[in-house]
Amino acid sequence: MEWIVSVVVLAFMLILGVRMMPSKGVKSISTPDLKKIVDAEDKVFVDVRTEAEYKKRHIPQFINIPFGSDFSQLPKDKPIIVICQSGIRSNQACKQLVKQGYTDITNVRRGMNALRGK
């Protein structure tokens, strides 16, 4: 019985690890790196959290396009920086963007959680 629990825990960790791994073609940056580029006008900043999360607290340069929405309105000729609360949804959104043909995509590691208290 103990081995079953171990296998389930290992499978869960593997699934979570795969979901958090950046996909091919997706870069990632830390929040300190984000602070250095957040005012760049040649980039598109996208927050994929829910509208309620975005309204509660957000970075002004980021537009809110909740995860699962249509990203096709985003320009393909500009770098796109994606953030969420923890980095998981934004990583998934980055993978979707790559599948849709976007080539310059960056995920913000740890998302808004990394900015808390700073």
PDB file of N, CA and C in Angstrom:
ATOM      1  N   MET A   1       0.823  -1.205   0.000  1.00  0.00           N
ATOM      2  CA  MET A   1       0.000   0.000   0.000  1.00  0.00           C
ATOM      3  C   MET A   1       0.863   1.263   0.000  1.00  0.00           C
ATOM      4  N   GLU A   2       1.942   1.209   0.728  1.00  0.00           N
ATOM      5  CA  GLU A   2       2.825   2.365   0.826  1.00  0.00           C
ATOM      6  C   GLU A   2       3.423   2.728  -0.538  1.00  0.00           C
ATOM      7  N   TRP A   3       3.735   1.729  -1.349  1.00  0.00           N
ATOM      8  CA  TRP A   3       4.307   1.979  -2.658  1.00  0.00           C
ATOM      9  C   TRP A   3       3.301   2.658  -3.583  1.00  0.00           C
ATOM     10  N   ILE A   4       2.008   2.388  -3.398  1.00  0.00           N
ATOM     11  CA  ILE A   4       0.981   3.034  -4.217  1.00  0.00           C
ATOM     12  C   ILE A   4       0.963   4.535  -3.940  1.00  0.00           C
ATOM     13  N   VAL A   5       1.040   4.884  -2.679  1.00  0.00           N
ATOM     14  CA  VAL A   5       1.071   6.306  -2.303  1.00  0.00           C
ATOM     15  C   VAL A   5       2.310   6.965  -2.899  1.00  0.00           C
ATOM     16  N   SER A   6       3.435   6.274  -2.827  1.00  0.00           N
ATOM     17  CA  SER A   6       4.683   6.812  -3.387  1.00  0.00           C
ATOM     18  C   SER A   6       4.563   7.026  -4.892  1.00  0.00           C
ATOM     19  N   VAL A   7       3.960   6.077  -5.592  1.00  0.00           N
ATOM     20  CA  VAL A   7       3.788   6.190  -7.039  1.00  0.00           C
ATOM     21  C   VAL A   7       2.864   7.358  -7.376  1.00  0.00           C
ATOM     22  N   VAL A   8       1.775   7.510  -6.626  1.00  0.00           N
ATOM     23  CA  VAL A   8       0.837   8.612  -6.864  1.00  0.00           C
ATOM     24  C   VAL A   8       1.521   9.951  -6.630  1.00  0.00           C
ATOM     25  N   VAL A   9       2.271  10.079  -5.558  1.00  0.00           N
ATOM     26  CA  VAL A   9       2.983  11.322  -5.258  1.00  0.00           C
ATOM     27  C   VAL A   9       4.010  11.615  -6.347  1.00  0.00           C
ATOM     28  N   LEU A  10       4.739  10.601  -6.776  1.00  0.00           N
ATOM     29  CA  LEU A  10       5.736  10.781  -7.825  1.00  0.00           C
ATOM     30  C   LEU A  10       5.078  11.202  -9.140  1.00  0.00           C
ATOM     31  N   ALA A  11       3.951  10.587  -9.477  1.00  0.00           N
ATOM     32  CA  ALA A  11       3.229  10.952 -10.705  1.00  0.00           C
ATOM     33  C   ALA A  11       2.748  12.396 -10.631  1.00  0.00           C
ATOM     34  N   PHE A  12       2.214  12.794  -9.493  1.00  0.00           N
ATOM     35  CA  PHE A  12       1.749  14.170  -9.310  1.00  0.00           C
ATOM     36  C   PHE A  12       2.906  15.147  -9.494  1.00  0.00           C
ATOM     37  N   MET A  13       4.053  14.837  -8.886  1.00  0.00           N
ATOM     38  CA  MET A  13       5.208  15.723  -9.001  1.00  0.00           C
ATOM     39  C   MET A  13       5.694  15.797 -10.448  1.00  0.00           C
ATOM     40  N   LEU A  14       5.654  14.689 -11.153  1.00  0.00           N
ATOM     41  CA  LEU A  14       6.067  14.668 -12.547  1.00  0.00           C
ATOM     42  C   LEU A  14       5.134  15.517 -13.406  1.00  0.00           C
ATOM     43  N   ILE A  15       3.838  15.370 -13.204  1.00  0.00           N
ATOM     44  CA  ILE A  15       2.856  16.156 -13.963  1.00  0.00           C
ATOM     45  C   ILE A  15       3.034  17.643 -13.681  1.00  0.00           C
ATOM     46  N   LEU A  16       3.175  17.995 -12.422  1.00  0.00           N
ATOM     47  CA  LEU A  16       3.367  19.401 -12.057  1.00  0.00           C
ATOM     48  C   LEU A  16       4.660  19.938 -12.655  1.00  0.00           C
ATOM     49  N   GLY A  17       5.726  19.143 -12.614  1.00  0.00           N
ATOM     50  CA  GLY A  17       7.004  19.561 -13.177  1.00  0.00           C
ATOM     51  C   GLY A  17       6.920  19.810 -14.668  1.00  0.00           C
ATOM     52  N   VAL A  18       6.235  18.930 -15.377  1.00  0.00           N
ATOM     53  CA  VAL A  18       6.076  19.093 -16.823  1.00  0.00           C
ATOM     54  C   VAL A  18       5.273  20.340 -17.140  1.00  0.00           C
ATOM     55  N   ARG A  19       4.221  20.594 -16.367  1.00  0.00           N
ATOM     56  CA  ARG A  19       3.394  21.782 -16.610  1.00  0.00           C
ATOM     57  C   ARG A  19       4.167  23.063 -16.376  1.00  0.00           C
ATOM     58  N   MET A  20       5.111  23.051 -15.451  1.00  0.00           N
ATOM     59  CA  MET A  20       5.857  24.265 -15.131  1.00  0.00           C
ATOM     60  C   MET A  20       7.078  24.467 -16.016  1.00  0.00           C
ATOM     61  N   MET A  21       7.512  23.422 -16.705  1.00  0.00           N
ATOM     62  CA  MET A  21       8.685  23.553 -17.571  1.00  0.00           C
ATOM     63  C   MET A  21       8.366  24.468 -18.747  1.00  0.00           C
ATOM     64  N   PRO A  22       9.280  25.369 -19.053  1.00  0.00           N
ATOM     65  CA  PRO A  22       9.036  26.216 -20.214  1.00  0.00           C
ATOM     66  C   PRO A  22       9.064  25.380 -21.477  1.00  0.00           C
ATOM     67  N   SER A  23       8.249  25.773 -22.409  1.00  0.00           N
ATOM     68  CA  SER A  23       8.216  25.031 -23.655  1.00  0.00           C
ATOM     69  C   SER A  23       9.256  25.602 -24.601  1.00  0.00           C
ATOM     70  N   LYS A  24       9.575  24.840 -25.627  1.00  0.00           N
ATOM     71  CA  LYS A  24      10.561  25.284 -26.599  1.00  0.00           C
ATOM     72  C   LYS A  24      10.092  26.602 -27.205  1.00  0.00           C
ATOM     73  N   GLY A  25      10.989  27.560 -27.252  1.00  0.00           N
ATOM     74  CA  GLY A  25      10.653  28.853 -27.826  1.00  0.00           C
ATOM     75  C   GLY A  25      10.149  29.863 -26.806  1.00  0.00           C
ATOM     76  N   VAL A  26      10.069  29.463 -25.531  1.00  0.00           N
ATOM     77  CA  VAL A  26       9.604  30.378 -24.479  1.00  0.00           C
ATOM     78  C   VAL A  26      10.771  30.696 -23.560  1.00  0.00           C
ATOM     79  N   LYS A  27      11.050  31.986 -23.423  1.00  0.00           N
ATOM     80  CA  LYS A  27      12.086  32.428 -22.494  1.00  0.00           C
ATOM     81  C   LYS A  27      11.427  32.696 -21.147  1.00  0.00           C
ATOM     82  N   SER A  28      12.222  32.850 -20.125  1.00  0.00           N
ATOM     83  CA  SER A  28      11.667  33.242 -18.834  1.00  0.00           C
ATOM     84  C   SER A  28      12.569  34.282 -18.195  1.00  0.00           C
ATOM     85  N   ILE A  29      11.937  35.147 -17.415  1.00  0.00           N
ATOM     86  CA  ILE A  29      12.684  36.179 -16.699  1.00  0.00           C
ATOM     87  C   ILE A  29      12.199  36.227 -15.259  1.00  0.00           C
ATOM     88  N   SER A  30      13.016  36.782 -14.404  1.00  0.00           N
ATOM     89  CA  SER A  30      12.654  36.991 -13.008  1.00  0.00           C
ATOM     90  C   SER A  30      11.953  38.342 -12.872  1.00  0.00           C
ATOM     91  N   THR A  31      11.343  38.569 -11.733  1.00  0.00           N
ATOM     92  CA  THR A  31      10.696  39.868 -11.527  1.00  0.00           C
ATOM     93  C   THR A  31      11.710  41.019 -11.475  1.00  0.00           C
ATOM     94  N   PRO A  32      12.924  40.829 -10.920  1.00  0.00           N
ATOM     95  CA  PRO A  32      13.895  41.929 -11.013  1.00  0.00           C
ATOM     96  C   PRO A  32      14.238  42.275 -12.471  1.00  0.00           C
ATOM     97  N   ASP A  33      14.315  41.241 -13.333  1.00  0.00           N
ATOM     98  CA  ASP A  33      14.567  41.500 -14.758  1.00  0.00           C
ATOM     99  C   ASP A  33      13.381  42.221 -15.389  1.00  0.00           C
ATOM    100  N   LEU A  34      12.173  41.838 -14.972  1.00  0.00           N
ATOM    101  CA  LEU A  34      10.969  42.489 -15.485  1.00  0.00           C
ATOM    102  C   LEU A  34      10.982  43.979 -15.161  1.00  0.00           C
ATOM    103  N   LYS A  35      11.380  44.313 -13.948  1.00  0.00           N
ATOM    104  CA  LYS A  35      11.404  45.724 -13.535  1.00  0.00           C
ATOM    105  C   LYS A  35      12.299  46.564 -14.439  1.00  0.00           C
ATOM    106  N   LYS A  36      13.321  45.946 -15.019  1.00  0.00           N
ATOM    107  CA  LYS A  36      14.247  46.669 -15.897  1.00  0.00           C
ATOM    108  C   LYS A  36      13.644  46.971 -17.265  1.00  0.00           C
ATOM    109  N   ILE A  37      12.645  46.175 -17.683  1.00  0.00           N
ATOM    110  CA  ILE A  37      12.109  46.342 -19.040  1.00  0.00           C
ATOM    111  C   ILE A  37      10.647  46.763 -19.085  1.00  0.00           C
ATOM    112  N   VAL A  38      10.000  46.880 -17.943  1.00  0.00           N
ATOM    113  CA  VAL A  38       8.550  47.087 -17.913  1.00  0.00           C
ATOM    114  C   VAL A  38       8.092  48.371 -18.610  1.00  0.00           C
ATOM    115  N   ASP A  39       8.951  49.329 -18.760  1.00  0.00           N
ATOM    116  CA  ASP A  39       8.566  50.572 -19.434  1.00  0.00           C
ATOM    117  C   ASP A  39       8.910  50.582 -20.922  1.00  0.00           C
ATOM    118  N   ALA A  40       9.406  49.462 -21.430  1.00  0.00           N
ATOM    119  CA  ALA A  40       9.768  49.386 -22.848  1.00  0.00           C
ATOM    120  C   ALA A  40       8.512  49.439 -23.714  1.00  0.00           C
ATOM    121  N   GLU A  41       8.496  50.354 -24.646  1.00  0.00           N
ATOM    122  CA  GLU A  41       7.325  50.508 -25.514  1.00  0.00           C
ATOM    123  C   GLU A  41       7.342  49.565 -26.707  1.00  0.00           C
ATOM    124  N   ASP A  42       8.458  48.867 -26.906  1.00  0.00           N
ATOM    125  CA  ASP A  42       8.533  47.942 -28.034  1.00  0.00           C
ATOM    126  C   ASP A  42       8.102  46.524 -27.657  1.00  0.00           C
ATOM    127  N   LYS A  43       7.529  46.360 -26.459  1.00  0.00           N
ATOM    128  CA  LYS A  43       7.078  45.056 -25.980  1.00  0.00           C
ATOM    129  C   LYS A  43       5.600  45.116 -25.613  1.00  0.00           C
ATOM    130  N   VAL A  44       4.964  43.957 -25.627  1.00  0.00           N
ATOM    131  CA  VAL A  44       3.566  43.848 -25.222  1.00  0.00           C
ATOM    132  C   VAL A  44       3.557  43.060 -23.915  1.00  0.00           C
ATOM    133  N   PHE A  45       2.927  43.611 -22.896  1.00  0.00           N
ATOM    134  CA  PHE A  45       2.863  42.988 -21.578  1.00  0.00           C
ATOM    135  C   PHE A  45       1.444  42.484 -21.344  1.00  0.00           C
ATOM    136  N   VAL A  46       1.322  41.172 -21.047  1.00  0.00           N
ATOM    137  CA  VAL A  46       0.014  40.537 -20.912  1.00  0.00           C
ATOM    138  C   VAL A  46      -0.098  39.859 -19.545  1.00  0.00           C
ATOM    139  N   ASP A  47      -1.174  40.173 -18.833  1.00  0.00           N
ATOM    140  CA  ASP A  47      -1.497  39.557 -17.550  1.00  0.00           C
ATOM    141  C   ASP A  47      -2.637  38.573 -17.803  1.00  0.00           C
ATOM    142  N   VAL A  48      -2.411  37.279 -17.567  1.00  0.00           N
ATOM    143  CA  VAL A  48      -3.419  36.268 -17.894  1.00  0.00           C
ATOM    144  C   VAL A  48      -4.255  35.844 -16.684  1.00  0.00           C
ATOM    145  N   ARG A  49      -4.191  36.592 -15.607  1.00  0.00           N
ATOM    146  CA  ARG A  49      -5.031  36.289 -14.440  1.00  0.00           C
ATOM    147  C   ARG A  49      -6.480  36.674 -14.734  1.00  0.00           C
ATOM    148  N   THR A  50      -7.380  36.275 -13.856  1.00  0.00           N
ATOM    149  CA  THR A  50      -8.784  36.631 -14.029  1.00  0.00           C
ATOM    150  C   THR A  50      -8.954  38.142 -13.909  1.00  0.00           C
ATOM    151  N   GLU A  51     -10.076  38.618 -14.391  1.00  0.00           N
ATOM    152  CA  GLU A  51     -10.354  40.055 -14.306  1.00  0.00           C
ATOM    153  C   GLU A  51     -10.369  40.523 -12.849  1.00  0.00           C
ATOM    154  N   ALA A  52     -10.921  39.709 -11.969  1.00  0.00           N
ATOM    155  CA  ALA A  52     -10.976  40.075 -10.537  1.00  0.00           C
ATOM    156  C   ALA A  52      -9.576  40.170  -9.940  1.00  0.00           C
ATOM    157  N   GLU A  53      -8.706  39.216 -10.264  1.00  0.00           N
ATOM    158  CA  GLU A  53      -7.328  39.263  -9.768  1.00  0.00           C
ATOM    159  C   GLU A  53      -6.618  40.502 -10.296  1.00  0.00           C
ATOM    160  N   TYR A  54      -6.829  40.781 -11.570  1.00  0.00           N
ATOM    161  CA  TYR A  54      -6.192  41.929 -12.212  1.00  0.00           C
ATOM    162  C   TYR A  54      -6.659  43.232 -11.554  1.00  0.00           C
ATOM    163  N   LYS A  55      -7.955  43.356 -11.315  1.00  0.00           N
ATOM    164  CA  LYS A  55      -8.487  44.586 -10.710  1.00  0.00           C
ATOM    165  C   LYS A  55      -7.958  44.782  -9.294  1.00  0.00           C
ATOM    166  N   LYS A  56      -7.765  43.697  -8.587  1.00  0.00           N
ATOM    167  CA  LYS A  56      -7.290  43.784  -7.204  1.00  0.00           C
ATOM    168  C   LYS A  56      -5.874  44.364  -7.125  1.00  0.00           C
ATOM    169  N   ARG A  57      -5.014  43.916  -8.043  1.00  0.00           N
ATOM    170  CA  ARG A  57      -3.628  44.393  -8.055  1.00  0.00           C
ATOM    171  C   ARG A  57      -3.007  44.032  -9.396  1.00  0.00           C
ATOM    172  N   HIS A  58      -2.439  45.012 -10.072  1.00  0.00           N
ATOM    173  CA  HIS A  58      -1.781  44.739 -11.343  1.00  0.00           C
ATOM    174  C   HIS A  58      -0.680  45.756 -11.623  1.00  0.00           C
ATOM    175  N   ILE A  59       0.114  45.443 -12.608  1.00  0.00           N
ATOM    176  CA  ILE A  59       1.164  46.334 -13.083  1.00  0.00           C
ATOM    177  C   ILE A  59       0.547  47.120 -14.235  1.00  0.00           C
ATOM    178  N   PRO A  60       0.542  48.447 -14.168  1.00  0.00           N
ATOM    179  CA  PRO A  60      -0.168  49.260 -15.170  1.00  0.00           C
ATOM    180  C   PRO A  60       0.188  48.977 -16.625  1.00  0.00           C
ATOM    181  N   GLN A  61       1.406  48.595 -16.908  1.00  0.00           N
ATOM    182  CA  GLN A  61       1.815  48.369 -18.299  1.00  0.00           C
ATOM    183  C   GLN A  61       1.218  47.080 -18.887  1.00  0.00           C
ATOM    184  N   PHE A  62       0.682  46.224 -18.044  1.00  0.00           N
ATOM    185  CA  PHE A  62       0.139  44.948 -18.496  1.00  0.00           C
ATOM    186  C   PHE A  62      -1.329  45.066 -18.857  1.00  0.00           C
ATOM    187  N   ILE A  63      -1.698  44.499 -20.010  1.00  0.00           N
ATOM    188  CA  ILE A  63      -3.109  44.412 -20.383  1.00  0.00           C
ATOM    189  C   ILE A  63      -3.642  43.077 -19.874  1.00  0.00           C
ATOM    190  N   ASN A  64      -4.900  43.042 -19.520  1.00  0.00           N
ATOM    191  CA  ASN A  64      -5.499  41.820 -18.981  1.00  0.00           C
ATOM    192  C   ASN A  64      -6.193  41.037 -20.088  1.00  0.00           C
ATOM    193  N   ILE A  65      -5.660  39.856 -20.367  1.00  0.00           N
ATOM    194  CA  ILE A  65      -6.300  38.899 -21.272  1.00  0.00           C
ATOM    195  C   ILE A  65      -6.305  37.576 -20.498  1.00  0.00           C
ATOM    196  N   PRO A  66      -7.406  37.278 -19.802  1.00  0.00           N
ATOM    197  CA  PRO A  66      -7.434  36.083 -18.940  1.00  0.00           C
ATOM    198  C   PRO A  66      -7.069  34.799 -19.682  1.00  0.00           C
ATOM    199  N   PHE A  67      -6.406  33.910 -18.973  1.00  0.00           N
ATOM    200  CA  PHE A  67      -6.007  32.620 -19.532  1.00  0.00           C
ATOM    201  C   PHE A  67      -7.229  31.914 -20.109  1.00  0.00           C
ATOM    202  N   GLY A  68      -7.072  31.386 -21.297  1.00  0.00           N
ATOM    203  CA  GLY A  68      -8.174  30.732 -21.984  1.00  0.00           C
ATOM    204  C   GLY A  68      -8.864  31.639 -22.984  1.00  0.00           C
ATOM    205  N   SER A  69      -8.509  32.917 -22.984  1.00  0.00           N
ATOM    206  CA  SER A  69      -9.076  33.871 -23.939  1.00  0.00           C
ATOM    207  C   SER A  69      -8.370  33.751 -25.281  1.00  0.00           C
ATOM    208  N   ASP A  70      -8.875  34.488 -26.245  1.00  0.00           N
ATOM    209  CA  ASP A  70      -8.302  34.526 -27.590  1.00  0.00           C
ATOM    210  C   ASP A  70      -7.105  35.475 -27.605  1.00  0.00           C
ATOM    211  N   PHE A  71      -5.938  34.942 -27.906  1.00  0.00           N
ATOM    212  CA  PHE A  71      -4.723  35.755 -27.948  1.00  0.00           C
ATOM    213  C   PHE A  71      -4.421  36.288 -29.346  1.00  0.00           C
ATOM    214  N   SER A  72      -5.253  35.985 -30.320  1.00  0.00           N
ATOM    215  CA  SER A  72      -4.944  36.332 -31.709  1.00  0.00           C
ATOM    216  C   SER A  72      -4.875  37.836 -31.974  1.00  0.00           C
ATOM    217  N   GLN A  73      -5.382  38.649 -31.057  1.00  0.00           N
ATOM    218  CA  GLN A  73      -5.329  40.099 -31.227  1.00  0.00           C
ATOM    219  C   GLN A  73      -3.932  40.654 -30.947  1.00  0.00           C
ATOM    220  N   LEU A  74      -3.076  39.851 -30.358  1.00  0.00           N
ATOM    221  CA  LEU A  74      -1.731  40.316 -30.025  1.00  0.00           C
ATOM    222  C   LEU A  74      -0.862  40.353 -31.279  1.00  0.00           C
ATOM    223  N   PRO A  75       0.001  41.352 -31.366  1.00  0.00           N
ATOM    224  CA  PRO A  75       0.872  41.449 -32.545  1.00  0.00           C
ATOM    225  C   PRO A  75       1.938  40.354 -32.537  1.00  0.00           C
ATOM    226  N   LYS A  76       2.242  39.830 -33.701  1.00  0.00           N
ATOM    227  CA  LYS A  76       3.265  38.792 -33.799  1.00  0.00           C
ATOM    228  C   LYS A  76       4.648  39.379 -34.039  1.00  0.00           C
ATOM    229  N   ASP A  77       4.720  40.686 -34.259  1.00  0.00           N
ATOM    230  CA  ASP A  77       6.005  41.311 -34.570  1.00  0.00           C
ATOM    231  C   ASP A  77       6.646  42.003 -33.374  1.00  0.00           C
ATOM    232  N   LYS A  78       6.084  41.815 -32.174  1.00  0.00           N
ATOM    233  CA  LYS A  78       6.657  42.412 -30.965  1.00  0.00           C
ATOM    234  C   LYS A  78       6.875  41.330 -29.914  1.00  0.00           C
ATOM    235  N   PRO A  79       7.888  41.507 -29.071  1.00  0.00           N
ATOM    236  CA  PRO A  79       8.073  40.578 -27.961  1.00  0.00           C
ATOM    237  C   PRO A  79       6.876  40.649 -27.009  1.00  0.00           C
ATOM    238  N   ILE A  80       6.447  39.511 -26.504  1.00  0.00           N
ATOM    239  CA  ILE A  80       5.317  39.448 -25.578  1.00  0.00           C
ATOM    240  C   ILE A  80       5.809  38.897 -24.242  1.00  0.00           C
ATOM    241  N   ILE A  81       5.542  39.637 -23.181  1.00  0.00           N
ATOM    242  CA  ILE A  81       5.908  39.243 -21.830  1.00  0.00           C
ATOM    243  C   ILE A  81       4.611  38.865 -21.113  1.00  0.00           C
ATOM    244  N   VAL A  82       4.567  37.671 -20.516  1.00  0.00           N
ATOM    245  CA  VAL A  82       3.336  37.157 -19.923  1.00  0.00           C
ATOM    246  C   VAL A  82       3.529  36.911 -18.430  1.00  0.00           C
ATOM    247  N   ILE A  83       2.528  37.346 -17.631  1.00  0.00           N
ATOM    248  CA  ILE A  83       2.574  37.169 -16.178  1.00  0.00           C
ATOM    249  C   ILE A  83       1.232  36.636 -15.681  1.00  0.00           C
ATOM    250  N   CYS A  84       1.258  35.940 -14.556  1.00  0.00           N
ATOM    251  CA  CYS A  84       0.039  35.535 -13.850  1.00  0.00           C
ATOM    252  C   CYS A  84       0.340  35.641 -12.355  1.00  0.00           C
ATOM    253  N   GLN A  85      -0.373  34.926 -11.527  1.00  0.00           N
ATOM    254  CA  GLN A  85      -0.135  35.015 -10.090  1.00  0.00           C
ATOM    255  C   GLN A  85       1.126  34.263  -9.677  1.00  0.00           C
ATOM    256  N   SER A  86       1.291  33.025 -10.179  1.00  0.00           N
ATOM    257  CA  SER A  86       2.405  32.189  -9.722  1.00  0.00           C
ATOM    258  C   SER A  86       3.384  31.789 -10.814  1.00  0.00           C
ATOM    259  N   GLY A  87       3.022  31.995 -12.066  1.00  0.00           N
ATOM    260  CA  GLY A  87       3.867  31.593 -13.178  1.00  0.00           C
ATOM    261  C   GLY A  87       3.360  30.361 -13.910  1.00  0.00           C
ATOM    262  N   ILE A  88       2.385  29.670 -13.350  1.00  0.00           N
ATOM    263  CA  ILE A  88       1.878  28.446 -13.979  1.00  0.00           C
ATOM    264  C   ILE A  88       0.954  28.773 -15.150  1.00  0.00           C
ATOM    265  N   ARG A  89      -0.054  29.607 -14.936  1.00  0.00           N
ATOM    266  CA  ARG A  89      -0.964  29.970 -16.031  1.00  0.00           C
ATOM    267  C   ARG A  89      -0.231  30.710 -17.137  1.00  0.00           C
ATOM    268  N   SER A  90       0.691  31.596 -16.742  1.00  0.00           N
ATOM    269  CA  SER A  90       1.419  32.341 -17.770  1.00  0.00           C
ATOM    270  C   SER A  90       2.289  31.410 -18.601  1.00  0.00           C
ATOM    271  N   ASN A  91       2.855  30.381 -17.978  1.00  0.00           N
ATOM    272  CA  ASN A  91       3.642  29.410 -18.736  1.00  0.00           C
ATOM    273  C   ASN A  91       2.746  28.665 -19.721  1.00  0.00           C
ATOM    274  N   GLN A  92       1.559  28.285 -19.291  1.00  0.00           N
ATOM    275  CA  GLN A  92       0.618  27.615 -20.188  1.00  0.00           C
ATOM    276  C   GLN A  92       0.195  28.550 -21.335  1.00  0.00           C
ATOM    277  N   ALA A  93      -0.036  29.819 -21.002  1.00  0.00           N
ATOM    278  CA  ALA A  93      -0.397  30.798 -22.032  1.00  0.00           C
ATOM    279  C   ALA A  93       0.745  30.959 -23.039  1.00  0.00           C
ATOM    280  N   CYS A  94       1.980  30.965 -22.556  1.00  0.00           N
ATOM    281  CA  CYS A  94       3.137  31.073 -23.445  1.00  0.00           C
ATOM    282  C   CYS A  94       3.170  29.895 -24.411  1.00  0.00           C
ATOM    283  N   LYS A  95       2.892  28.703 -23.900  1.00  0.00           N
ATOM    284  CA  LYS A  95       2.865  27.516 -24.764  1.00  0.00           C
ATOM    285  C   LYS A  95       1.787  27.657 -25.834  1.00  0.00           C
ATOM    286  N   GLN A  96       0.627  28.203 -25.467  1.00  0.00           N
ATOM    287  CA  GLN A  96      -0.442  28.424 -26.447  1.00  0.00           C
ATOM    288  C   GLN A  96       0.004  29.422 -27.518  1.00  0.00           C
ATOM    289  N   LEU A  97       0.651  30.492 -27.084  1.00  0.00           N
ATOM    290  CA  LEU A  97       1.116  31.508 -28.030  1.00  0.00           C
ATOM    291  C   LEU A  97       2.115  30.915 -29.030  1.00  0.00           C
ATOM    292  N   VAL A  98       3.015  30.081 -28.548  1.00  0.00           N
ATOM    293  CA  VAL A  98       3.984  29.435 -29.442  1.00  0.00           C
ATOM    294  C   VAL A  98       3.245  28.569 -30.458  1.00  0.00           C
ATOM    295  N   LYS A  99       2.250  27.828 -30.010  1.00  0.00           N
ATOM    296  CA  LYS A  99       1.465  26.981 -30.921  1.00  0.00           C
ATOM    297  C   LYS A  99       0.738  27.820 -31.967  1.00  0.00           C
ATOM    298  N   GLN A 100       0.412  29.067 -31.617  1.00  0.00           N
ATOM    299  CA  GLN A 100      -0.288  29.950 -32.549  1.00  0.00           C
ATOM    300  C   GLN A 100       0.670  30.710 -33.461  1.00  0.00           C
ATOM    301  N   GLY A 101       1.960  30.435 -33.352  1.00  0.00           N
ATOM    302  CA  GLY A 101       2.918  31.033 -34.272  1.00  0.00           C
ATOM    303  C   GLY A 101       3.677  32.239 -33.745  1.00  0.00           C
ATOM    304  N   TYR A 102       3.472  32.602 -32.480  1.00  0.00           N
ATOM    305  CA  TYR A 102       4.239  33.702 -31.895  1.00  0.00           C
ATOM    306  C   TYR A 102       5.652  33.199 -31.611  1.00  0.00           C
ATOM    307  N   THR A 103       6.639  34.049 -31.835  1.00  0.00           N
ATOM    308  CA  THR A 103       8.022  33.585 -31.742  1.00  0.00           C
ATOM    309  C   THR A 103       8.853  34.236 -30.636  1.00  0.00           C
ATOM    310  N   ASP A 104       8.445  35.375 -30.132  1.00  0.00           N
ATOM    311  CA  ASP A 104       9.228  36.061 -29.099  1.00  0.00           C
ATOM    312  C   ASP A 104       8.380  36.180 -27.836  1.00  0.00           C
ATOM    313  N   ILE A 105       8.352  35.095 -27.064  1.00  0.00           N
ATOM    314  CA  ILE A 105       7.485  34.986 -25.893  1.00  0.00           C
ATOM    315  C   ILE A 105       8.339  34.797 -24.645  1.00  0.00           C
ATOM    316  N   THR A 106       7.999  35.523 -23.576  1.00  0.00           N
ATOM    317  CA  THR A 106       8.726  35.416 -22.316  1.00  0.00           C
ATOM    318  C   THR A 106       7.744  35.277 -21.163  1.00  0.00           C
ATOM    319  N   ASN A 107       7.999  34.324 -20.296  1.00  0.00           N
ATOM    320  CA  ASN A 107       7.195  34.099 -19.097  1.00  0.00           C
ATOM    321  C   ASN A 107       7.894  34.729 -17.898  1.00  0.00           C
ATOM    322  N   VAL A 108       7.128  35.364 -17.020  1.00  0.00           N
ATOM    323  CA  VAL A 108       7.679  35.925 -15.780  1.00  0.00           C
ATOM    324  C   VAL A 108       7.594  34.849 -14.702  1.00  0.00           C
ATOM    325  N   ARG A 109       8.754  34.335 -14.296  1.00  0.00           N
ATOM    326  CA  ARG A 109       8.813  33.286 -13.267  1.00  0.00           C
ATOM    327  C   ARG A 109       8.217  33.773 -11.949  1.00  0.00           C
ATOM    328  N   ARG A 110       7.445  32.916 -11.330  1.00  0.00           N
ATOM    329  CA  ARG A 110       6.813  33.159 -10.027  1.00  0.00           C
ATOM    330  C   ARG A 110       5.787  34.287 -10.051  1.00  0.00           C
ATOM    331  N   GLY A 111       5.614  34.961 -11.177  1.00  0.00           N
ATOM    332  CA  GLY A 111       4.550  35.926 -11.365  1.00  0.00           C
ATOM    333  C   GLY A 111       4.418  37.004 -10.296  1.00  0.00           C
ATOM    334  N   MET A 112       3.172  37.385 -10.073  1.00  0.00           N
ATOM    335  CA  MET A 112       2.885  38.458  -9.112  1.00  0.00           C
ATOM    336  C   MET A 112       3.291  38.069  -7.693  1.00  0.00           C
ATOM    337  N   ASN A 113       3.312  36.777  -7.393  1.00  0.00           N
ATOM    338  CA  ASN A 113       3.737  36.338  -6.053  1.00  0.00           C
ATOM    339  C   ASN A 113       5.142  36.817  -5.739  1.00  0.00           C
ATOM    340  N   ALA A 114       6.000  36.868  -6.748  1.00  0.00           N
ATOM    341  CA  ALA A 114       7.382  37.302  -6.540  1.00  0.00           C
ATOM    342  C   ALA A 114       7.468  38.802  -6.269  1.00  0.00           C
ATOM    343  N   LEU A 115       6.427  39.532  -6.616  1.00  0.00           N
ATOM    344  CA  LEU A 115       6.415  40.987  -6.385  1.00  0.00           C
ATOM    345  C   LEU A 115       5.796  41.364  -5.043  1.00  0.00           C
ATOM    346  N   ARG A 116       5.152  40.412  -4.405  1.00  0.00           N
ATOM    347  CA  ARG A 116       4.445  40.682  -3.151  1.00  0.00           C
ATOM    348  C   ARG A 116       5.410  41.260  -2.112  1.00  0.00           C
ATOM    349  N   GLY A 117       4.990  42.338  -1.512  1.00  0.00           N
ATOM    350  CA  GLY A 117       5.774  42.965  -0.460  1.00  0.00           C
ATOM    351  C   GLY A 117       6.946  43.778  -0.954  1.00  0.00           C
ATOM    352  N   LYS A 118       7.057  43.949  -2.244  1.00  0.00           N
ATOM    353  CA  LYS A 118       8.191  44.724  -2.778  1.00  0.00           C
ATOM    354  C   LYS A 118       7.705  46.000  -3.373  1.00  0.00           C
TER     355      LYS A 118
END
